[in-house]
Amino acid sequence: MPLAQSKLTAQGQISVPAEIRKRLGVGPGAALEWDEEGGRIVVRRAGRFTSADVHRAVFPGGRPKTRTLAELKEGLRRSVRTRRARR
């Protein structure tokens, strides 16, 4: 049983049903992306990420350990030595 239905206008436009808008968390002006996956067309909210989303992706274990300036400089020195070392 389909979740909802829409009609296509002569100009190729559709209205997104209220239930679908609620599930996707979209409103006026929101961007949707269309993709094909396994022979099906999938509609999803376009990827717009908040700074919190980016932070969770970069630091999946939570907030990183606070480091002193001396520790940061030493880490940079080690990194440069490793990258510039003769092989």
PDB file of N, CA and C in Angstrom:
ATOM      1  N   MET A   1       0.844  -1.179   0.000  1.00  0.00           N
ATOM      2  CA  MET A   1       0.000   0.000   0.000  1.00  0.00           C
ATOM      3  C   MET A   1       0.889   1.242   0.000  1.00  0.00           C
ATOM      4  N   PRO A   2       0.695   2.145  -0.948  1.00  0.00           N
ATOM      5  CA  PRO A   2       1.528   3.340  -1.010  1.00  0.00           C
ATOM      6  C   PRO A   2       1.286   4.268   0.179  1.00  0.00           C
ATOM      7  N   LEU A   3       2.339   4.977   0.542  1.00  0.00           N
ATOM      8  CA  LEU A   3       2.271   5.919   1.650  1.00  0.00           C
ATOM      9  C   LEU A   3       1.414   7.126   1.276  1.00  0.00           C
ATOM     10  N   ALA A   4       1.582   7.623   0.051  1.00  0.00           N
ATOM     11  CA  ALA A   4       0.821   8.777  -0.432  1.00  0.00           C
ATOM     12  C   ALA A   4       0.915   8.808  -1.951  1.00  0.00           C
ATOM     13  N   GLN A   5       0.097   9.663  -2.569  1.00  0.00           N
ATOM     14  CA  GLN A   5       0.114   9.812  -4.020  1.00  0.00           C
ATOM     15  C   GLN A   5       0.165  11.284  -4.380  1.00  0.00           C
ATOM     16  N   SER A   6       0.750  11.568  -5.553  1.00  0.00           N
ATOM     17  CA  SER A   6       0.792  12.920  -6.096  1.00  0.00           C
ATOM     18  C   SER A   6       0.423  12.843  -7.565  1.00  0.00           C
ATOM     19  N   LYS A   7      -0.056  13.972  -8.091  1.00  0.00           N
ATOM     20  CA  LYS A   7      -0.330  14.071  -9.523  1.00  0.00           C
ATOM     21  C   LYS A   7       0.696  14.983 -10.155  1.00  0.00           C
ATOM     22  N   LEU A   8       1.065  14.653 -11.373  1.00  0.00           N
ATOM     23  CA  LEU A   8       2.022  15.431 -12.136  1.00  0.00           C
ATOM     24  C   LEU A   8       1.270  16.463 -12.962  1.00  0.00           C
ATOM     25  N   THR A   9       1.698  17.742 -12.908  1.00  0.00           N
ATOM     26  CA  THR A   9       1.046  18.785 -13.705  1.00  0.00           C
ATOM     27  C   THR A   9       1.594  18.756 -15.122  1.00  0.00           C
ATOM     28  N   ALA A  10       0.972  19.515 -16.003  1.00  0.00           N
ATOM     29  CA  ALA A  10       1.426  19.607 -17.391  1.00  0.00           C
ATOM     30  C   ALA A  10       2.837  20.179 -17.471  1.00  0.00           C
ATOM     31  N   GLN A  11       3.237  20.965 -16.488  1.00  0.00           N
ATOM     32  CA  GLN A  11       4.578  21.545 -16.465  1.00  0.00           C
ATOM     33  C   GLN A  11       5.600  20.617 -15.803  1.00  0.00           C
ATOM     34  N   GLY A  12       5.203  19.420 -15.400  1.00  0.00           N
ATOM     35  CA  GLY A  12       6.104  18.462 -14.796  1.00  0.00           C
ATOM     36  C   GLY A  12       6.316  18.671 -13.307  1.00  0.00           C
ATOM     37  N   GLN A  13       5.422  19.388 -12.646  1.00  0.00           N
ATOM     38  CA  GLN A  13       5.560  19.652 -11.219  1.00  0.00           C
ATOM     39  C   GLN A  13       4.688  18.700 -10.414  1.00  0.00           C
ATOM     40  N   ILE A  14       5.112  18.454  -9.178  1.00  0.00           N
ATOM     41  CA  ILE A  14       4.306  17.643  -8.264  1.00  0.00           C
ATOM     42  C   ILE A  14       4.192  18.372  -6.932  1.00  0.00           C
ATOM     43  N   SER A  15       3.200  17.994  -6.161  1.00  0.00           N
ATOM     44  CA  SER A  15       3.074  18.469  -4.783  1.00  0.00           C
ATOM     45  C   SER A  15       3.494  17.313  -3.887  1.00  0.00           C
ATOM     46  N   VAL A  16       4.294  17.622  -2.873  1.00  0.00           N
ATOM     47  CA  VAL A  16       4.717  16.593  -1.935  1.00  0.00           C
ATOM     48  C   VAL A  16       3.662  16.519  -0.839  1.00  0.00           C
ATOM     49  N   PRO A  17       3.039  15.360  -0.634  1.00  0.00           N
ATOM     50  CA  PRO A  17       1.991  15.227   0.375  1.00  0.00           C
ATOM     51  C   PRO A  17       2.491  15.595   1.775  1.00  0.00           C
ATOM     52  N   ALA A  18       1.581  16.095   2.611  1.00  0.00           N
ATOM     53  CA  ALA A  18       1.931  16.569   3.953  1.00  0.00           C
ATOM     54  C   ALA A  18       2.628  15.493   4.774  1.00  0.00           C
ATOM     55  N   GLU A  19       2.175  14.261   4.716  1.00  0.00           N
ATOM     56  CA  GLU A  19       2.784  13.182   5.499  1.00  0.00           C
ATOM     57  C   GLU A  19       4.249  12.970   5.095  1.00  0.00           C
ATOM     58  N   ILE A  20       4.521  13.052   3.798  1.00  0.00           N
ATOM     59  CA  ILE A  20       5.893  12.881   3.307  1.00  0.00           C
ATOM     60  C   ILE A  20       6.748  14.065   3.745  1.00  0.00           C
ATOM     61  N   ARG A  21       6.203  15.289   3.652  1.00  0.00           N
ATOM     62  CA  ARG A  21       6.957  16.477   4.098  1.00  0.00           C
ATOM     63  C   ARG A  21       7.320  16.358   5.567  1.00  0.00           C
ATOM     64  N   LYS A  22       6.389  15.855   6.384  1.00  0.00           N
ATOM     65  CA  LYS A  22       6.660  15.679   7.818  1.00  0.00           C
ATOM     66  C   LYS A  22       7.764  14.654   8.033  1.00  0.00           C
ATOM     67  N   ARG A  23       7.692  13.530   7.338  1.00  0.00           N
ATOM     68  CA  ARG A  23       8.698  12.467   7.500  1.00  0.00           C
ATOM     69  C   ARG A  23      10.082  12.915   7.047  1.00  0.00           C
ATOM     70  N   LEU A  24      10.129  13.721   5.975  1.00  0.00           N
ATOM     71  CA  LEU A  24      11.404  14.208   5.477  1.00  0.00           C
ATOM     72  C   LEU A  24      11.900  15.427   6.252  1.00  0.00           C
ATOM     73  N   GLY A  25      10.990  16.071   6.965  1.00  0.00           N
ATOM     74  CA  GLY A  25      11.363  17.273   7.703  1.00  0.00           C
ATOM     75  C   GLY A  25      11.657  18.439   6.787  1.00  0.00           C
ATOM     76  N   VAL A  26      10.843  18.599   5.746  1.00  0.00           N
ATOM     77  CA  VAL A  26      11.052  19.677   4.781  1.00  0.00           C
ATOM     78  C   VAL A  26       9.869  20.632   4.778  1.00  0.00           C
ATOM     79  N   GLY A  27      10.128  21.828   4.300  1.00  0.00           N
ATOM     80  CA  GLY A  27       9.101  22.857   4.186  1.00  0.00           C
ATOM     81  C   GLY A  27       9.301  23.638   2.906  1.00  0.00           C
ATOM     82  N   PRO A  28       8.631  24.777   2.785  1.00  0.00           N
ATOM     83  CA  PRO A  28       8.764  25.593   1.576  1.00  0.00           C
ATOM     84  C   PRO A  28      10.219  25.964   1.299  1.00  0.00           C
ATOM     85  N   GLY A  29      10.627  25.807   0.056  1.00  0.00           N
ATOM     86  CA  GLY A  29      11.979  26.153  -0.344  1.00  0.00           C
ATOM     87  C   GLY A  29      13.006  25.054  -0.119  1.00  0.00           C
ATOM     88  N   ALA A  30      12.607  23.947   0.492  1.00  0.00           N
ATOM     89  CA  ALA A  30      13.538  22.849   0.755  1.00  0.00           C
ATOM     90  C   ALA A  30      13.928  22.175  -0.560  1.00  0.00           C
ATOM     91  N   ALA A  31      15.136  21.666  -0.604  1.00  0.00           N
ATOM     92  CA  ALA A  31      15.631  20.960  -1.788  1.00  0.00           C
ATOM     93  C   ALA A  31      15.512  19.457  -1.561  1.00  0.00           C
ATOM     94  N   LEU A  32      14.990  18.771  -2.569  1.00  0.00           N
ATOM     95  CA  LEU A  32      14.886  17.316  -2.535  1.00  0.00           C
ATOM     96  C   LEU A  32      15.782  16.764  -3.638  1.00  0.00           C
ATOM     97  N   GLU A  33      16.378  15.614  -3.395  1.00  0.00           N
ATOM     98  CA  GLU A  33      17.176  14.976  -4.434  1.00  0.00           C
ATOM     99  C   GLU A  33      16.539  13.655  -4.821  1.00  0.00           C
ATOM    100  N   TRP A  34      16.645  13.350  -6.086  1.00  0.00           N
ATOM    101  CA  TRP A  34      16.072  12.137  -6.654  1.00  0.00           C
ATOM    102  C   TRP A  34      17.229  11.247  -7.069  1.00  0.00           C
ATOM    103  N   ASP A  35      17.127   9.959  -6.743  1.00  0.00           N
ATOM    104  CA  ASP A  35      18.210   9.026  -7.046  1.00  0.00           C
ATOM    105  C   ASP A  35      17.600   7.695  -7.447  1.00  0.00           C
ATOM    106  N   GLU A  36      18.362   6.917  -8.189  1.00  0.00           N
ATOM    107  CA  GLU A  36      17.916   5.573  -8.563  1.00  0.00           C
ATOM    108  C   GLU A  36      18.738   4.570  -7.768  1.00  0.00           C
ATOM    109  N   GLU A  37      18.053   3.688  -7.064  1.00  0.00           N
ATOM    110  CA  GLU A  37      18.711   2.661  -6.260  1.00  0.00           C
ATOM    111  C   GLU A  37      18.027   1.324  -6.514  1.00  0.00           C
ATOM    112  N   GLY A  38      18.752   0.425  -7.119  1.00  0.00           N
ATOM    113  CA  GLY A  38      18.211  -0.908  -7.358  1.00  0.00           C
ATOM    114  C   GLY A  38      16.945  -0.925  -8.192  1.00  0.00           C
ATOM    115  N   GLY A  39      16.868  -0.090  -9.209  1.00  0.00           N
ATOM    116  CA  GLY A  39      15.696  -0.068 -10.070  1.00  0.00           C
ATOM    117  C   GLY A  39      14.528   0.739  -9.520  1.00  0.00           C
ATOM    118  N   ARG A  40      14.701   1.392  -8.378  1.00  0.00           N
ATOM    119  CA  ARG A  40      13.660   2.232  -7.783  1.00  0.00           C
ATOM    120  C   ARG A  40      14.130   3.671  -7.738  1.00  0.00           C
ATOM    121  N   ILE A  41      13.198   4.585  -7.791  1.00  0.00           N
ATOM    122  CA  ILE A  41      13.511   5.999  -7.649  1.00  0.00           C
ATOM    123  C   ILE A  41      13.300   6.367  -6.185  1.00  0.00           C
ATOM    124  N   VAL A  42      14.321   6.974  -5.593  1.00  0.00           N
ATOM    125  CA  VAL A  42      14.286   7.352  -4.179  1.00  0.00           C
ATOM    126  C   VAL A  42      14.346   8.870  -4.089  1.00  0.00           C
ATOM    127  N   VAL A  43      13.441   9.440  -3.292  1.00  0.00           N
ATOM    128  CA  VAL A  43      13.433  10.885  -3.056  1.00  0.00           C
ATOM    129  C   VAL A  43      13.853  11.108  -1.620  1.00  0.00           C
ATOM    130  N   ARG A  44      14.833  11.998  -1.422  1.00  0.00           N
ATOM    131  CA  ARG A  44      15.290  12.294  -0.064  1.00  0.00           C
ATOM    132  C   ARG A  44      15.581  13.780   0.051  1.00  0.00           C
ATOM    133  N   ARG A  45      15.657  14.236   1.273  1.00  0.00           N
ATOM    134  CA  ARG A  45      16.031  15.616   1.534  1.00  0.00           C
ATOM    135  C   ARG A  45      17.472  15.798   1.065  1.00  0.00           C
ATOM    136  N   ALA A  46      17.730  16.897   0.362  1.00  0.00           N
ATOM    137  CA  ALA A  46      19.079  17.160  -0.131  1.00  0.00           C
ATOM    138  C   ALA A  46      20.017  17.356   1.045  1.00  0.00           C
ATOM    139  N   GLY A  47      21.254  16.922   0.875  1.00  0.00           N
ATOM    140  CA  GLY A  47      22.230  16.963   1.951  1.00  0.00           C
ATOM    141  C   GLY A  47      22.649  18.360   2.353  1.00  0.00           C
ATOM    142  N   ARG A  48      22.064  18.857   3.404  1.00  0.00           N
ATOM    143  CA  ARG A  48      22.496  20.111   4.008  1.00  0.00           C
ATOM    144  C   ARG A  48      22.873  19.764   5.424  1.00  0.00           C
ATOM    145  N   PHE A  49      24.082  20.084   5.784  1.00  0.00           N
ATOM    146  CA  PHE A  49      24.593  19.638   7.058  1.00  0.00           C
ATOM    147  C   PHE A  49      24.820  20.813   7.998  1.00  0.00           C
ATOM    148  N   THR A  50      24.455  20.616   9.243  1.00  0.00           N
ATOM    149  CA  THR A  50      24.734  21.616  10.259  1.00  0.00           C
ATOM    150  C   THR A  50      26.147  21.402  10.780  1.00  0.00           C
ATOM    151  N   SER A  51      26.661  22.363  11.511  1.00  0.00           N
ATOM    152  CA  SER A  51      27.999  22.200  12.081  1.00  0.00           C
ATOM    153  C   SER A  51      28.013  21.023  13.059  1.00  0.00           C
ATOM    154  N   ALA A  52      26.893  20.765  13.735  1.00  0.00           N
ATOM    155  CA  ALA A  52      26.818  19.613  14.645  1.00  0.00           C
ATOM    156  C   ALA A  52      26.920  18.299  13.862  1.00  0.00           C
ATOM    157  N   ASP A  53      26.306  18.218  12.688  1.00  0.00           N
ATOM    158  CA  ASP A  53      26.412  17.021  11.846  1.00  0.00           C
ATOM    159  C   ASP A  53      27.861  16.778  11.433  1.00  0.00           C
ATOM    160  N   VAL A  54      28.544  17.842  11.028  1.00  0.00           N
ATOM    161  CA  VAL A  54      29.939  17.728  10.608  1.00  0.00           C
ATOM    162  C   VAL A  54      30.804  17.309  11.797  1.00  0.00           C
ATOM    163  N   HIS A  55      30.568  17.896  12.954  1.00  0.00           N
ATOM    164  CA  HIS A  55      31.351  17.573  14.143  1.00  0.00           C
ATOM    165  C   HIS A  55      31.182  16.099  14.514  1.00  0.00           C
ATOM    166  N   ARG A  56      29.963  15.580  14.452  1.00  0.00           N
ATOM    167  CA  ARG A  56      29.725  14.164  14.756  1.00  0.00           C
ATOM    168  C   ARG A  56      30.428  13.263  13.750  1.00  0.00           C
ATOM    169  N   ALA A  57      30.503  13.676  12.485  1.00  0.00           N
ATOM    170  CA  ALA A  57      31.178  12.863  11.476  1.00  0.00           C
ATOM    171  C   ALA A  57      32.698  12.876  11.669  1.00  0.00           C
ATOM    172  N   VAL A  58      33.242  14.022  12.048  1.00  0.00           N
ATOM    173  CA  VAL A  58      34.684  14.144  12.226  1.00  0.00           C
ATOM    174  C   VAL A  58      35.142  13.533  13.547  1.00  0.00           C
ATOM    175  N   PHE A  59      34.333  13.694  14.586  1.00  0.00           N
ATOM    176  CA  PHE A  59      34.673  13.194  15.918  1.00  0.00           C
ATOM    177  C   PHE A  59      33.599  12.215  16.403  1.00  0.00           C
ATOM    178  N   PRO A  60      33.552  10.994  15.840  1.00  0.00           N
ATOM    179  CA  PRO A  60      32.491  10.057  16.209  1.00  0.00           C
ATOM    180  C   PRO A  60      32.540   9.629  17.672  1.00  0.00           C
ATOM    181  N   GLY A  61      33.688   9.746  18.313  1.00  0.00           N
ATOM    182  CA  GLY A  61      33.812   9.352  19.716  1.00  0.00           C
ATOM    183  C   GLY A  61      33.442  10.459  20.682  1.00  0.00           C
ATOM    184  N   GLY A  62      32.927  11.562  20.183  1.00  0.00           N
ATOM    185  CA  GLY A  62      32.588  12.688  21.044  1.00  0.00           C
ATOM    186  C   GLY A  62      33.651  13.769  20.959  1.00  0.00           C
ATOM    187  N   ARG A  63      33.612  14.639  21.923  1.00  0.00           N
ATOM    188  CA  ARG A  63      34.519  15.782  21.941  1.00  0.00           C
ATOM    189  C   ARG A  63      35.976  15.320  22.044  1.00  0.00           C
ATOM    190  N   PRO A  64      36.867  15.891  21.206  1.00  0.00           N
ATOM    191  CA  PRO A  64      38.271  15.479  21.262  1.00  0.00           C
ATOM    192  C   PRO A  64      38.945  15.990  22.530  1.00  0.00           C
ATOM    193  N   LYS A  65      40.035  15.323  22.884  1.00  0.00           N
ATOM    194  CA  LYS A  65      40.797  15.692  24.077  1.00  0.00           C
ATOM    195  C   LYS A  65      41.397  17.090  23.894  1.00  0.00           C
ATOM    196  N   THR A  66      41.309  17.910  24.916  1.00  0.00           N
ATOM    197  CA  THR A  66      41.906  19.240  24.874  1.00  0.00           C
ATOM    198  C   THR A  66      43.420  19.107  24.980  1.00  0.00           C
ATOM    199  N   ARG A  67      44.141  19.825  24.119  1.00  0.00           N
ATOM    200  CA  ARG A  67      45.600  19.745  24.102  1.00  0.00           C
ATOM    201  C   ARG A  67      46.187  21.137  24.325  1.00  0.00           C
ATOM    202  N   THR A  68      47.390  21.149  24.870  1.00  0.00           N
ATOM    203  CA  THR A  68      48.090  22.417  25.092  1.00  0.00           C
ATOM    204  C   THR A  68      48.749  22.851  23.790  1.00  0.00           C
ATOM    205  N   LEU A  69      49.168  24.099  23.740  1.00  0.00           N
ATOM    206  CA  LEU A  69      49.847  24.606  22.562  1.00  0.00           C
ATOM    207  C   LEU A  69      51.138  23.835  22.310  1.00  0.00           C
ATOM    208  N   ALA A  70      51.857  23.507  23.363  1.00  0.00           N
ATOM    209  CA  ALA A  70      53.103  22.739  23.220  1.00  0.00           C
ATOM    210  C   ALA A  70      52.827  21.367  22.611  1.00  0.00           C
ATOM    211  N   GLU A  71      51.742  20.711  23.037  1.00  0.00           N
ATOM    212  CA  GLU A  71      51.393  19.394  22.476  1.00  0.00           C
ATOM    213  C   GLU A  71      51.036  19.512  20.996  1.00  0.00           C
ATOM    214  N   LEU A  72      50.318  20.575  20.625  1.00  0.00           N
ATOM    215  CA  LEU A  72      49.958  20.767  19.220  1.00  0.00           C
ATOM    216  C   LEU A  72      51.208  20.993  18.370  1.00  0.00           C
ATOM    217  N   LYS A  73      52.123  21.843  18.867  1.00  0.00           N
ATOM    218  CA  LYS A  73      53.352  22.104  18.111  1.00  0.00           C
ATOM    219  C   LYS A  73      54.192  20.836  17.957  1.00  0.00           C
ATOM    220  N   GLU A  74      54.302  20.043  19.009  1.00  0.00           N
ATOM    221  CA  GLU A  74      55.059  18.780  18.937  1.00  0.00           C
ATOM    222  C   GLU A  74      54.421  17.820  17.937  1.00  0.00           C
ATOM    223  N   GLY A  75      53.113  17.747  17.913  1.00  0.00           N
ATOM    224  CA  GLY A  75      52.425  16.897  16.945  1.00  0.00           C
ATOM    225  C   GLY A  75      52.700  17.335  15.521  1.00  0.00           C
ATOM    226  N   LEU A  76      52.724  18.646  15.283  1.00  0.00           N
ATOM    227  CA  LEU A  76      53.043  19.165  13.954  1.00  0.00           C
ATOM    228  C   LEU A  76      54.484  18.828  13.577  1.00  0.00           C
ATOM    229  N   ARG A  77      55.410  18.989  14.514  1.00  0.00           N
ATOM    230  CA  ARG A  77      56.821  18.659  14.248  1.00  0.00           C
ATOM    231  C   ARG A  77      56.965  17.187  13.845  1.00  0.00           C
ATOM    232  N   ARG A  78      56.319  16.294  14.607  1.00  0.00           N
ATOM    233  CA  ARG A  78      56.389  14.860  14.293  1.00  0.00           C
ATOM    234  C   ARG A  78      55.817  14.573  12.917  1.00  0.00           C
ATOM    235  N   SER A  79      54.712  15.214  12.601  1.00  0.00           N
ATOM    236  CA  SER A  79      54.068  14.993  11.311  1.00  0.00           C
ATOM    237  C   SER A  79      54.959  15.448  10.162  1.00  0.00           C
ATOM    238  N   VAL A  80      55.569  16.627  10.316  1.00  0.00           N
ATOM    239  CA  VAL A  80      56.448  17.145   9.261  1.00  0.00           C
ATOM    240  C   VAL A  80      57.669  16.249   9.111  1.00  0.00           C
ATOM    241  N   ARG A  81      58.262  15.816  10.210  1.00  0.00           N
ATOM    242  CA  ARG A  81      59.434  14.930  10.147  1.00  0.00           C
ATOM    243  C   ARG A  81      59.088  13.629   9.436  1.00  0.00           C
ATOM    244  N   THR A  82      57.948  13.095   9.748  1.00  0.00           N
ATOM    245  CA  THR A  82      57.520  11.834   9.130  1.00  0.00           C
ATOM    246  C   THR A  82      57.291  12.024   7.629  1.00  0.00           C
ATOM    247  N   ARG A  83      56.653  13.096   7.259  1.00  0.00           N
ATOM    248  CA  ARG A  83      56.342  13.322   5.844  1.00  0.00           C
ATOM    249  C   ARG A  83      57.574  13.714   5.035  1.00  0.00           C
ATOM    250  N   ARG A  84      58.518  14.370   5.667  1.00  0.00           N
ATOM    251  CA  ARG A  84      59.712  14.852   4.961  1.00  0.00           C
ATOM    252  C   ARG A  84      60.908  13.918   5.077  1.00  0.00           C
ATOM    253  N   ALA A  85      60.741  12.827   5.802  1.00  0.00           N
ATOM    254  CA  ALA A  85      61.847  11.882   6.011  1.00  0.00           C
ATOM    255  C   ALA A  85      62.272  11.289   4.676  1.00  0.00           C
ATOM    256  N   ARG A  86      63.583  11.110   4.541  1.00  0.00           N
ATOM    257  CA  ARG A  86      64.101  10.481   3.307  1.00  0.00           C
ATOM    258  C   ARG A  86      63.794   8.997   3.346  1.00  0.00           C
ATOM    259  N   ARG A  87      63.537   8.476   2.211  1.00  0.00           N
ATOM    260  CA  ARG A  87      63.151   7.060   2.135  1.00  0.00           C
ATOM    261  C   ARG A  87      64.255   6.232   1.645  1.00  0.00           C
TER     262      ARG A  87
END
